[in-house]
PDB file of N, CA and C in Angstrom:
ATOM      1  N   MET A   1      18.269  25.603 -17.611  1.00  0.00           N
ATOM      2  CA  MET A   1      17.678  25.011 -18.803  1.00  0.00           C
ATOM      3  C   MET A   1      16.592  25.941 -19.336  1.00  0.00           C
ATOM      4  N   GLN A   2      16.645  26.212 -20.618  1.00  0.00           N
ATOM      5  CA  GLN A   2      15.632  27.057 -21.238  1.00  0.00           C
ATOM      6  C   GLN A   2      14.545  26.191 -21.846  1.00  0.00           C
ATOM      7  N   ILE A   3      13.325  26.648 -21.667  1.00  0.00           N
ATOM      8  CA  ILE A   3      12.182  25.941 -22.243  1.00  0.00           C
ATOM      9  C   ILE A   3      11.924  26.528 -23.614  1.00  0.00           C
ATOM     10  N   PRO A   4      11.858  25.680 -24.660  1.00  0.00           N
ATOM     11  CA  PRO A   4      11.554  26.193 -26.003  1.00  0.00           C
ATOM     12  C   PRO A   4      10.228  26.948 -26.000  1.00  0.00           C
ATOM     13  N   PRO A   5      10.102  28.030 -26.811  1.00  0.00           N
ATOM     14  CA  PRO A   5       8.886  28.847 -26.821  1.00  0.00           C
ATOM     15  C   PRO A   5       7.604  28.047 -27.013  1.00  0.00           C
ATOM     16  N   ALA A   6       7.644  27.052 -27.849  1.00  0.00           N
ATOM     17  CA  ALA A   6       6.436  26.260 -28.105  1.00  0.00           C
ATOM     18  C   ALA A   6       6.007  25.479 -26.863  1.00  0.00           C
ATOM     19  N   ARG A   7       6.941  25.191 -25.961  1.00  0.00           N
ATOM     20  CA  ARG A   7       6.631  24.400 -24.773  1.00  0.00           C
ATOM     21  C   ARG A   7       6.344  25.270 -23.554  1.00  0.00           C
ATOM     22  N   LYS A   8       6.626  26.595 -23.636  1.00  0.00           N
ATOM     23  CA  LYS A   8       6.434  27.468 -22.484  1.00  0.00           C
ATOM     24  C   LYS A   8       4.990  27.460 -22.007  1.00  0.00           C
ATOM     25  N   ALA A   9       4.070  27.524 -22.950  1.00  0.00           N
ATOM     26  CA  ALA A   9       2.659  27.548 -22.565  1.00  0.00           C
ATOM     27  C   ALA A   9       2.289  26.283 -21.793  1.00  0.00           C
ATOM     28  N   PHE A  10       2.825  25.170 -22.227  1.00  0.00           N
ATOM     29  CA  PHE A  10       2.539  23.912 -21.543  1.00  0.00           C
ATOM     30  C   PHE A  10       3.086  23.932 -20.121  1.00  0.00           C
ATOM     31  N   HIS A  11       4.312  24.385 -19.939  1.00  0.00           N
ATOM     32  CA  HIS A  11       4.942  24.391 -18.626  1.00  0.00           C
ATOM     33  C   HIS A  11       4.343  25.421 -17.691  1.00  0.00           C
ATOM     34  N   CYS A  12       3.687  26.421 -18.213  1.00  0.00           N
ATOM     35  CA  CYS A  12       3.105  27.463 -17.379  1.00  0.00           C
ATOM     36  C   CYS A  12       1.659  27.160 -16.990  1.00  0.00           C
ATOM     37  N   MET A  13       1.109  26.114 -17.551  1.00  0.00           N
ATOM     38  CA  MET A  13      -0.272  25.762 -17.236  1.00  0.00           C
ATOM     39  C   MET A  13      -0.371  25.282 -15.793  1.00  0.00           C
ATOM     40  N   PRO A  14      -1.479  25.570 -15.114  1.00  0.00           N
ATOM     41  CA  PRO A  14      -1.635  25.056 -13.751  1.00  0.00           C
ATOM     42  C   PRO A  14      -1.721  23.529 -13.776  1.00  0.00           C
ATOM     43  N   VAL A  15      -1.352  22.927 -12.674  1.00  0.00           N
ATOM     44  CA  VAL A  15      -1.409  21.463 -12.586  1.00  0.00           C
ATOM     45  C   VAL A  15      -2.861  21.030 -12.663  1.00  0.00           C
ATOM     46  N   ARG A  16      -3.125  20.143 -13.551  1.00  0.00           N
ATOM     47  CA  ARG A  16      -4.491  19.648 -13.722  1.00  0.00           C
ATOM     48  C   ARG A  16      -4.818  18.627 -12.652  1.00  0.00           C
ATOM     49  N   SER A  17      -6.094  18.451 -12.383  1.00  0.00           N
ATOM     50  CA  SER A  17      -6.505  17.499 -11.350  1.00  0.00           C
ATOM     51  C   SER A  17      -6.086  16.080 -11.714  1.00  0.00           C
ATOM     52  N   THR A  18      -6.024  15.771 -13.011  1.00  0.00           N
ATOM     53  CA  THR A  18      -5.596  14.421 -13.394  1.00  0.00           C
ATOM     54  C   THR A  18      -4.132  14.200 -13.039  1.00  0.00           C
ATOM     55  N   SER A  19      -3.322  15.251 -13.124  1.00  0.00           N
ATOM     56  CA  SER A  19      -1.923  15.134 -12.733  1.00  0.00           C
ATOM     57  C   SER A  19      -1.807  14.898 -11.239  1.00  0.00           C
ATOM     58  N   ARG A  20      -2.602  15.600 -10.462  1.00  0.00           N
ATOM     59  CA  ARG A  20      -2.597  15.383  -9.005  1.00  0.00           C
ATOM     60  C   ARG A  20      -3.047  13.965  -8.684  1.00  0.00           C
ATOM     61  N   MET A  21      -4.039  13.488  -9.415  1.00  0.00           N
ATOM     62  CA  MET A  21      -4.531  12.127  -9.174  1.00  0.00           C
ATOM     63  C   MET A  21      -3.458  11.106  -9.527  1.00  0.00           C
ATOM     64  N   ALA A  22      -2.728  11.360 -10.609  1.00  0.00           N
ATOM     65  CA  ALA A  22      -1.645  10.451 -10.982  1.00  0.00           C
ATOM     66  C   ALA A  22      -0.578  10.420  -9.900  1.00  0.00           C
ATOM     67  N   LEU A  23      -0.261  11.576  -9.350  1.00  0.00           N
ATOM     68  CA  LEU A  23       0.720  11.627  -8.263  1.00  0.00           C
ATOM     69  C   LEU A  23       0.207  10.907  -7.021  1.00  0.00           C
ATOM     70  N   MET A  24      -1.069  11.073  -6.729  1.00  0.00           N
ATOM     71  CA  MET A  24      -1.663  10.360  -5.592  1.00  0.00           C
ATOM     72  C   MET A  24      -1.592   8.855  -5.801  1.00  0.00           C
ATOM     73  N   THR A  25      -1.852   8.412  -7.021  1.00  0.00           N
ATOM     74  CA  THR A  25      -1.811   6.994  -7.334  1.00  0.00           C
ATOM     75  C   THR A  25      -0.400   6.452  -7.166  1.00  0.00           C
ATOM     76  N   LEU A  26       0.582   7.185  -7.659  1.00  0.00           N
ATOM     77  CA  LEU A  26       1.979   6.765  -7.498  1.00  0.00           C
ATOM     78  C   LEU A  26       2.359   6.693  -6.029  1.00  0.00           C
ATOM     79  N   GLU A  27       1.935   7.673  -5.262  1.00  0.00           N
ATOM     80  CA  GLU A  27       2.239   7.690  -3.828  1.00  0.00           C
ATOM     81  C   GLU A  27       1.564   6.515  -3.116  1.00  0.00           C
ATOM     82  N   PHE A  28       0.306   6.276  -3.447  1.00  0.00           N
ATOM     83  CA  PHE A  28      -0.448   5.172  -2.844  1.00  0.00           C
ATOM     84  C   PHE A  28       0.241   3.845  -3.140  1.00  0.00           C
ATOM     85  N   GLY A  29       0.611   3.642  -4.401  1.00  0.00           N
ATOM     86  CA  GLY A  29       1.286   2.409  -4.799  1.00  0.00           C
ATOM     87  C   GLY A  29       2.643   2.264  -4.147  1.00  0.00           C
ATOM     88  N   ALA A  30       3.415   3.343  -4.113  1.00  0.00           N
ATOM     89  CA  ALA A  30       4.747   3.298  -3.511  1.00  0.00           C
ATOM     90  C   ALA A  30       4.660   2.994  -2.018  1.00  0.00           C
ATOM     91  N   THR A  31       3.682   3.582  -1.344  1.00  0.00           N
ATOM     92  CA  THR A  31       3.495   3.320   0.086  1.00  0.00           C
ATOM     93  C   THR A  31       3.144   1.856   0.312  1.00  0.00           C
ATOM     94  N   GLY A  32       2.230   1.339  -0.489  1.00  0.00           N
ATOM     95  CA  GLY A  32       1.851  -0.071  -0.356  1.00  0.00           C
ATOM     96  C   GLY A  32       3.011  -1.012  -0.610  1.00  0.00           C
ATOM     97  N   LEU A  33       3.806  -0.718  -1.627  1.00  0.00           N
ATOM     98  CA  LEU A  33       4.969  -1.562  -1.931  1.00  0.00           C
ATOM     99  C   LEU A  33       6.017  -1.498  -0.828  1.00  0.00           C
ATOM    100  N   GLU A  34       6.200  -0.329  -0.250  1.00  0.00           N
ATOM    101  CA  GLU A  34       7.178  -0.178   0.824  1.00  0.00           C
ATOM    102  C   GLU A  34       6.746  -0.971   2.052  1.00  0.00           C
ATOM    103  N   ILE A  35       5.463  -0.899   2.388  1.00  0.00           N
ATOM    104  CA  ILE A  35       4.943  -1.666   3.528  1.00  0.00           C
ATOM    105  C   ILE A  35       5.044  -3.156   3.239  1.00  0.00           C
ATOM    106  N   ALA A  36       4.702  -3.561   2.019  1.00  0.00           N
ATOM    107  CA  ALA A  36       4.797  -4.981   1.648  1.00  0.00           C
ATOM    108  C   ALA A  36       6.241  -5.473   1.722  1.00  0.00           C
ATOM    109  N   GLY A  37       7.187  -4.645   1.313  1.00  0.00           N
ATOM    110  CA  GLY A  37       8.594  -5.017   1.397  1.00  0.00           C
ATOM    111  C   GLY A  37       9.024  -5.275   2.829  1.00  0.00           C
ATOM    112  N   ARG A  38       8.603  -4.394   3.738  1.00  0.00           N
ATOM    113  CA  ARG A  38       8.940  -4.589   5.156  1.00  0.00           C
ATOM    114  C   ARG A  38       8.219  -5.809   5.733  1.00  0.00           C
ATOM    115  N   LEU A  39       6.993  -6.041   5.262  1.00  0.00           N
ATOM    116  CA  LEU A  39       6.230  -7.201   5.716  1.00  0.00           C
ATOM    117  C   LEU A  39       6.922  -8.502   5.316  1.00  0.00           C
ATOM    118  N   PHE A  40       7.339  -8.602   4.059  1.00  0.00           N
ATOM    119  CA  PHE A  40       7.998  -9.827   3.605  1.00  0.00           C
ATOM    120  C   PHE A  40       9.382  -9.982   4.220  1.00  0.00           C
ATOM    121  N   ALA A  41      10.044  -8.882   4.557  1.00  0.00           N
ATOM    122  CA  ALA A  41      11.323  -8.971   5.268  1.00  0.00           C
ATOM    123  C   ALA A  41      11.103  -9.569   6.655  1.00  0.00           C
ATOM    124  N   ALA A  42      10.044  -9.138   7.327  1.00  0.00           N
ATOM    125  CA  ALA A  42       9.717  -9.707   8.647  1.00  0.00           C
ATOM    126  C   ALA A  42       9.358 -11.188   8.514  1.00  0.00           C
ATOM    127  N   TRP A  43       8.607 -11.527   7.472  1.00  0.00           N
ATOM    128  CA  TRP A  43       8.243 -12.923   7.238  1.00  0.00           C
ATOM    129  C   TRP A  43       9.486 -13.772   6.997  1.00  0.00           C
ATOM    130  N   ASP A  44      10.385 -13.296   6.155  1.00  0.00           N
ATOM    131  CA  ASP A  44      11.616 -14.046   5.870  1.00  0.00           C
ATOM    132  C   ASP A  44      12.444 -14.260   7.128  1.00  0.00           C
ATOM    133  N   GLU A  45      12.434 -13.281   8.003  1.00  0.00           N
ATOM    134  CA  GLU A  45      13.199 -13.378   9.239  1.00  0.00           C
ATOM    135  C   GLU A  45      12.603 -14.402  10.208  1.00  0.00           C
ATOM    136  N   CYS A  46      11.289 -14.519  10.222  1.00  0.00           N
ATOM    137  CA  CYS A  46      10.611 -15.343  11.237  1.00  0.00           C
ATOM    138  C   CYS A  46      10.087 -16.679  10.725  1.00  0.00           C
ATOM    139  N   ARG A  47      10.079 -16.907   9.440  1.00  0.00           N
ATOM    140  CA  ARG A  47       9.395 -18.085   8.904  1.00  0.00           C
ATOM    141  C   ARG A  47      10.079 -19.405   9.251  1.00  0.00           C
ATOM    142  N   TRP A  48      11.396 -19.423   9.338  1.00  0.00           N
ATOM    143  CA  TRP A  48      12.096 -20.701   9.523  1.00  0.00           C
ATOM    144  C   TRP A  48      12.001 -21.222  10.932  1.00  0.00           C
ATOM    145  N   ASP A  49      11.890 -20.333  11.916  1.00  0.00           N
ATOM    146  CA  ASP A  49      11.737 -20.834  13.288  1.00  0.00           C
ATOM    147  C   ASP A  49      10.265 -20.858  13.714  1.00  0.00           C
ATOM    148  N   ALA A  50       9.378 -20.452  12.804  1.00  0.00           N
ATOM    149  CA  ALA A  50       7.923 -20.478  13.027  1.00  0.00           C
ATOM    150  C   ALA A  50       7.516 -19.718  14.284  1.00  0.00           C
ATOM    151  N   ASP A  51       8.228 -18.653  14.587  1.00  0.00           N
ATOM    152  CA  ASP A  51       7.935 -17.844  15.763  1.00  0.00           C
ATOM    153  C   ASP A  51       6.856 -16.816  15.420  1.00  0.00           C
ATOM    154  N   ARG A  52       5.600 -17.223  15.581  1.00  0.00           N
ATOM    155  CA  ARG A  52       4.474 -16.353  15.213  1.00  0.00           C
ATOM    156  C   ARG A  52       4.331 -15.171  16.169  1.00  0.00           C
ATOM    157  N   VAL A  53       4.760 -15.335  17.408  1.00  0.00           N
ATOM    158  CA  VAL A  53       4.683 -14.224  18.357  1.00  0.00           C
ATOM    159  C   VAL A  53       5.633 -13.113  17.916  1.00  0.00           C
ATOM    160  N   ARG A  54       6.864 -13.474  17.579  1.00  0.00           N
ATOM    161  CA  ARG A  54       7.840 -12.486  17.113  1.00  0.00           C
ATOM    162  C   ARG A  54       7.377 -11.866  15.789  1.00  0.00           C
ATOM    163  N   LEU A  55       6.817 -12.706  14.915  1.00  0.00           N
ATOM    164  CA  LEU A  55       6.303 -12.186  13.645  1.00  0.00           C
ATOM    165  C   LEU A  55       5.192 -11.171  13.898  1.00  0.00           C
ATOM    166  N   SER A  56       4.280 -11.494  14.779  1.00  0.00           N
ATOM    167  CA  SER A  56       3.185 -10.569  15.093  1.00  0.00           C
ATOM    168  C   SER A  56       3.710  -9.251  15.653  1.00  0.00           C
ATOM    169  N   GLU A  57       4.734  -9.343  16.497  1.00  0.00           N
ATOM    170  CA  GLU A  57       5.336  -8.127  17.046  1.00  0.00           C
ATOM    171  C   GLU A  57       5.985  -7.279  15.950  1.00  0.00           C
ATOM    172  N   ARG A  58       6.616  -7.941  15.000  1.00  0.00           N
ATOM    173  CA  ARG A  58       7.291  -7.220  13.909  1.00  0.00           C
ATOM    174  C   ARG A  58       6.300  -6.567  12.955  1.00  0.00           C
ATOM    175  N   ILE A  59       5.164  -7.218  12.704  1.00  0.00           N
ATOM    176  CA  ILE A  59       4.249  -6.672  11.695  1.00  0.00           C
ATOM    177  C   ILE A  59       3.143  -5.800  12.276  1.00  0.00           C
ATOM    178  N   GLU A  60       2.998  -5.766  13.589  1.00  0.00           N
ATOM    179  CA  GLU A  60       1.939  -4.935  14.172  1.00  0.00           C
ATOM    180  C   GLU A  60       2.038  -3.476  13.728  1.00  0.00           C
ATOM    181  N   PRO A  61       3.233  -2.847  13.769  1.00  0.00           N
ATOM    182  CA  PRO A  61       3.296  -1.466  13.280  1.00  0.00           C
ATOM    183  C   PRO A  61       2.940  -1.345  11.795  1.00  0.00           C
ATOM    184  N   LEU A  62       3.254  -2.381  11.021  1.00  0.00           N
ATOM    185  CA  LEU A  62       2.923  -2.358   9.591  1.00  0.00           C
ATOM    186  C   LEU A  62       1.419  -2.430   9.374  1.00  0.00           C
ATOM    187  N   THR A  63       0.745  -3.247  10.172  1.00  0.00           N
ATOM    188  CA  THR A  63      -0.712  -3.355  10.023  1.00  0.00           C
ATOM    189  C   THR A  63      -1.376  -2.024  10.360  1.00  0.00           C
ATOM    190  N   LEU A  64      -0.885  -1.371  11.404  1.00  0.00           N
ATOM    191  CA  LEU A  64      -1.457  -0.071  11.781  1.00  0.00           C
ATOM    192  C   LEU A  64      -1.211   0.977  10.697  1.00  0.00           C
ATOM    193  N   GLU A  65      -0.012   0.961  10.145  1.00  0.00           N
ATOM    194  CA  GLU A  65       0.318   1.909   9.080  1.00  0.00           C
ATOM    195  C   GLU A  65      -0.539   1.658   7.840  1.00  0.00           C
ATOM    196  N   GLU A  66      -0.675   0.396   7.452  1.00  0.00           N
ATOM    197  CA  GLU A  66      -1.486   0.059   6.278  1.00  0.00           C
ATOM    198  C   GLU A  66      -2.954   0.397   6.513  1.00  0.00           C
ATOM    199  N   PHE A  67      -3.450   0.135   7.717  1.00  0.00           N
ATOM    200  CA  PHE A  67      -4.839   0.447   8.051  1.00  0.00           C
ATOM    201  C   PHE A  67      -5.085   1.950   7.913  1.00  0.00           C
ATOM    202  N   ARG A  68      -4.154   2.776   8.413  1.00  0.00           N
ATOM    203  CA  ARG A  68      -4.278   4.227   8.312  1.00  0.00           C
ATOM    204  C   ARG A  68      -4.317   4.673   6.851  1.00  0.00           C
ATOM    205  N   VAL A  69      -3.417   4.118   6.043  1.00  0.00           N
ATOM    206  CA  VAL A  69      -3.360   4.470   4.618  1.00  0.00           C
ATOM    207  C   VAL A  69      -4.666   4.088   3.923  1.00  0.00           C
ATOM    208  N   LEU A  70      -5.164   2.902   4.214  1.00  0.00           N
ATOM    209  CA  LEU A  70      -6.398   2.451   3.568  1.00  0.00           C
ATOM    210  C   LEU A  70      -7.606   3.278   4.004  1.00  0.00           C
ATOM    211  N   LEU A  71      -7.653   3.660   5.276  1.00  0.00           N
ATOM    212  CA  LEU A  71      -8.752   4.522   5.723  1.00  0.00           C
ATOM    213  C   LEU A  71      -8.728   5.867   5.007  1.00  0.00           C
ATOM    214  N   GLU A  72      -7.528   6.431   4.833  1.00  0.00           N
ATOM    215  CA  GLU A  72      -7.408   7.692   4.104  1.00  0.00           C
ATOM    216  C   GLU A  72      -7.896   7.533   2.670  1.00  0.00           C
ATOM    217  N   ARG A  73      -7.478   6.462   2.015  1.00  0.00           N
ATOM    218  CA  ARG A  73      -7.834   6.255   0.609  1.00  0.00           C
ATOM    219  C   ARG A  73      -9.292   5.853   0.438  1.00  0.00           C
ATOM    220  N   ALA A  74      -9.871   5.239   1.425  1.00  0.00           N
ATOM    221  CA  ALA A  74     -11.287   4.874   1.339  1.00  0.00           C
ATOM    222  C   ALA A  74     -12.173   6.120   1.354  1.00  0.00           C
ATOM    223  N   ALA A  75     -11.617   7.239   1.786  1.00  0.00           N
ATOM    224  CA  ALA A  75     -12.377   8.490   1.843  1.00  0.00           C
ATOM    225  C   ALA A  75     -11.922   9.509   0.800  1.00  0.00           C
ATOM    226  N   CYS A  76     -11.042   9.131  -0.121  1.00  0.00           N
ATOM    227  CA  CYS A  76     -10.521  10.108  -1.085  1.00  0.00           C
ATOM    228  C   CYS A  76     -11.455  10.258  -2.292  1.00  0.00           C
ATOM    229  N   LYS A  77     -11.129  11.211  -3.172  1.00  0.00           N
ATOM    230  CA  LYS A  77     -11.978  11.518  -4.324  1.00  0.00           C
ATOM    231  C   LYS A  77     -11.912  10.471  -5.424  1.00  0.00           C
ATOM    232  N   SER A  78     -10.815   9.773  -5.519  1.00  0.00           N
ATOM    233  CA  SER A  78     -10.642   8.799  -6.594  1.00  0.00           C
ATOM    234  C   SER A  78     -11.511   7.560  -6.353  1.00  0.00           C
ATOM    235  N   ALA A  79     -12.378   7.269  -7.291  1.00  0.00           N
ATOM    236  CA  ALA A  79     -13.250   6.090  -7.163  1.00  0.00           C
ATOM    237  C   ALA A  79     -12.424   4.804  -7.116  1.00  0.00           C
ATOM    238  N   ARG A  80     -11.355   4.759  -7.901  1.00  0.00           N
ATOM    239  CA  ARG A  80     -10.503   3.563  -7.897  1.00  0.00           C
ATOM    240  C   ARG A  80      -9.835   3.361  -6.548  1.00  0.00           C
ATOM    241  N   HIS A  81      -9.320   4.427  -5.981  1.00  0.00           N
ATOM    242  CA  HIS A  81      -8.687   4.327  -4.664  1.00  0.00           C
ATOM    243  C   HIS A  81      -9.709   3.922  -3.614  1.00  0.00           C
ATOM    244  N   ARG A  82     -10.886   4.563  -3.646  1.00  0.00           N
ATOM    245  CA  ARG A  82     -11.931   4.241  -2.670  1.00  0.00           C
ATOM    246  C   ARG A  82     -12.325   2.782  -2.752  1.00  0.00           C
ATOM    247  N   THR A  83     -12.539   2.290  -3.973  1.00  0.00           N
ATOM    248  CA  THR A  83     -12.966   0.900  -4.154  1.00  0.00           C
ATOM    249  C   THR A  83     -11.889  -0.060  -3.696  1.00  0.00           C
ATOM    250  N   PHE A  84     -10.653   0.170  -4.123  1.00  0.00           N
ATOM    251  CA  PHE A  84      -9.543  -0.712  -3.748  1.00  0.00           C
ATOM    252  C   PHE A  84      -9.369  -0.741  -2.235  1.00  0.00           C
ATOM    253  N   ALA A  85      -9.317   0.434  -1.618  1.00  0.00           N
ATOM    254  CA  ALA A  85      -9.119   0.515  -0.169  1.00  0.00           C
ATOM    255  C   ALA A  85     -10.291  -0.113   0.580  1.00  0.00           C
ATOM    256  N   SER A  86     -11.500   0.157   0.144  1.00  0.00           N
ATOM    257  CA  SER A  86     -12.687  -0.411   0.806  1.00  0.00           C
ATOM    258  C   SER A  86     -12.696  -1.929   0.720  1.00  0.00           C
ATOM    259  N   ASN A  87     -12.332  -2.471  -0.435  1.00  0.00           N
ATOM    260  CA  ASN A  87     -12.277  -3.927  -0.589  1.00  0.00           C
ATOM    261  C   ASN A  87     -11.254  -4.542   0.359  1.00  0.00           C
ATOM    262  N   LEU A  88     -10.089  -3.918   0.484  1.00  0.00           N
ATOM    263  CA  LEU A  88      -9.081  -4.448   1.403  1.00  0.00           C
ATOM    264  C   LEU A  88      -9.535  -4.319   2.851  1.00  0.00           C
ATOM    265  N   LEU A  89     -10.177  -3.222   3.184  1.00  0.00           N
ATOM    266  CA  LEU A  89     -10.660  -3.054   4.559  1.00  0.00           C
ATOM    267  C   LEU A  89     -11.744  -4.076   4.897  1.00  0.00           C
ATOM    268  N   GLN A  90     -12.573  -4.443   3.931  1.00  0.00           N
ATOM    269  CA  GLN A  90     -13.593  -5.462   4.163  1.00  0.00           C
ATOM    270  C   GLN A  90     -12.977  -6.827   4.439  1.00  0.00           C
ATOM    271  N   ARG A  91     -11.789  -7.061   3.901  1.00  0.00           N
ATOM    272  CA  ARG A  91     -11.106  -8.346   4.070  1.00  0.00           C
ATOM    273  C   ARG A  91      -9.929  -8.245   5.047  1.00  0.00           C
ATOM    274  N   TRP A  92      -9.951  -7.221   5.870  1.00  0.00           N
ATOM    275  CA  TRP A  92      -8.812  -6.902   6.723  1.00  0.00           C
ATOM    276  C   TRP A  92      -8.325  -8.096   7.547  1.00  0.00           C
ATOM    277  N   SER A  93      -9.219  -8.770   8.241  1.00  0.00           N
ATOM    278  CA  SER A  93      -8.789  -9.867   9.124  1.00  0.00           C
ATOM    279  C   SER A  93      -8.149 -11.018   8.347  1.00  0.00           C
ATOM    280  N   THR A  94      -8.615 -11.256   7.130  1.00  0.00           N
ATOM    281  CA  THR A  94      -8.040 -12.354   6.354  1.00  0.00           C
ATOM    282  C   THR A  94      -6.668 -12.004   5.790  1.00  0.00           C
ATOM    283  N   LEU A  95      -6.370 -10.714   5.649  1.00  0.00           N
ATOM    284  CA  LEU A  95      -5.066 -10.312   5.121  1.00  0.00           C
ATOM    285  C   LEU A  95      -3.924 -10.698   6.054  1.00  0.00           C
ATOM    286  N   TRP A  96      -4.204 -10.816   7.326  1.00  0.00           N
ATOM    287  CA  TRP A  96      -3.164 -11.030   8.328  1.00  0.00           C
ATOM    288  C   TRP A  96      -3.239 -12.407   8.973  1.00  0.00           C
ATOM    289  N   THR A  97      -3.984 -13.336   8.388  1.00  0.00           N
ATOM    290  CA  THR A  97      -4.128 -14.690   8.927  1.00  0.00           C
ATOM    291  C   THR A  97      -2.780 -15.373   9.086  1.00  0.00           C
ATOM    292  N   PHE A  98      -1.881 -15.168   8.139  1.00  0.00           N
ATOM    293  CA  PHE A  98      -0.579 -15.851   8.168  1.00  0.00           C
ATOM    294  C   PHE A  98       0.218 -15.510   9.424  1.00  0.00           C
ATOM    295  N   ALA A  99      -0.065 -14.371  10.046  1.00  0.00           N
ATOM    296  CA  ALA A  99       0.706 -13.959  11.224  1.00  0.00           C
ATOM    297  C   ALA A  99       0.371 -14.776  12.459  1.00  0.00           C
ATOM    298  N   SER A 100      -0.808 -15.355  12.491  1.00  0.00           N
ATOM    299  CA  SER A 100      -1.215 -16.078  13.700  1.00  0.00           C
ATOM    300  C   SER A 100      -1.519 -17.553  13.494  1.00  0.00           C
ATOM    301  N   VAL A 101      -1.706 -17.980  12.260  1.00  0.00           N
ATOM    302  CA  VAL A 101      -2.084 -19.383  12.004  1.00  0.00           C
ATOM    303  C   VAL A 101      -0.897 -20.138  11.418  1.00  0.00           C
ATOM    304  N   PRO A 102      -0.381 -21.127  12.147  1.00  0.00           N
ATOM    305  CA  PRO A 102       0.729 -21.927  11.621  1.00  0.00           C
ATOM    306  C   PRO A 102       0.346 -22.604  10.306  1.00  0.00           C
ATOM    307  N   GLY A 103       1.287 -22.647   9.383  1.00  0.00           N
ATOM    308  CA  GLY A 103       1.059 -23.294   8.101  1.00  0.00           C
ATOM    309  C   GLY A 103       0.515 -22.380   7.016  1.00  0.00           C
ATOM    310  N   VAL A 104       0.073 -21.187   7.396  1.00  0.00           N
ATOM    311  CA  VAL A 104      -0.436 -20.226   6.419  1.00  0.00           C
ATOM    312  C   VAL A 104       0.697 -19.266   6.079  1.00  0.00           C
ATOM    313  N   GLU A 105       0.960 -19.090   4.779  1.00  0.00           N
ATOM    314  CA  GLU A 105       2.027 -18.207   4.334  1.00  0.00           C
ATOM    315  C   GLU A 105       1.433 -17.012   3.582  1.00  0.00           C
ATOM    316  N   PRO A 106       2.132 -15.870   3.619  1.00  0.00           N
ATOM    317  CA  PRO A 106       1.652 -14.700   2.867  1.00  0.00           C
ATOM    318  C   PRO A 106       2.017 -14.842   1.385  1.00  0.00           C
ATOM    319  N   ILE A 107       1.060 -15.255   0.607  1.00  0.00           N
ATOM    320  CA  ILE A 107       1.297 -15.428  -0.827  1.00  0.00           C
ATOM    321  C   ILE A 107       0.253 -14.633  -1.603  1.00  0.00           C
ATOM    322  N   GLU A 108       0.464 -14.487  -2.881  1.00  0.00           N
ATOM    323  CA  GLU A 108      -0.461 -13.740  -3.730  1.00  0.00           C
ATOM    324  C   GLU A 108      -1.361 -14.685  -4.528  1.00  0.00           C
ATOM    325  N   ASN A 109      -1.635 -15.831  -3.984  1.00  0.00           N
ATOM    326  CA  ASN A 109      -2.454 -16.812  -4.658  1.00  0.00           C
ATOM    327  C   ASN A 109      -3.911 -16.578  -4.296  1.00  0.00           C
ATOM    328  N   HIS A 110      -4.762 -16.423  -5.290  1.00  0.00           N
ATOM    329  CA  HIS A 110      -6.188 -16.156  -5.039  1.00  0.00           C
ATOM    330  C   HIS A 110      -6.980 -17.426  -4.733  1.00  0.00           C
ATOM    331  N   ALA A 111      -6.368 -18.568  -4.844  1.00  0.00           N
ATOM    332  CA  ALA A 111      -7.077 -19.828  -4.637  1.00  0.00           C
ATOM    333  C   ALA A 111      -7.481 -20.078  -3.226  1.00  0.00           C
TER     334      ALA A 111
END
């Protein structure tokens, strides 16, 4: 594929820091969504028999992975990433209440 002359200068420019930040944001979001997908798959598998021990075993690797990701982002250059990750880390124990307390479900309700 040939790049039109008017666009060559644009394509030859070094990657700007905002572009790197956008890629970091996409990666951060994609990682979170992937972990959430596996988390809800584990929940769907265990919710009907209310086996919280099996659920805890299934999500333990996910909690460790998410904790690692959040620690990395809490120390990154992006203020938005730092704030978001720090807020989740401050509420870490409440994020996983559904895994050990019967009757509590993982929902996105702020109430």
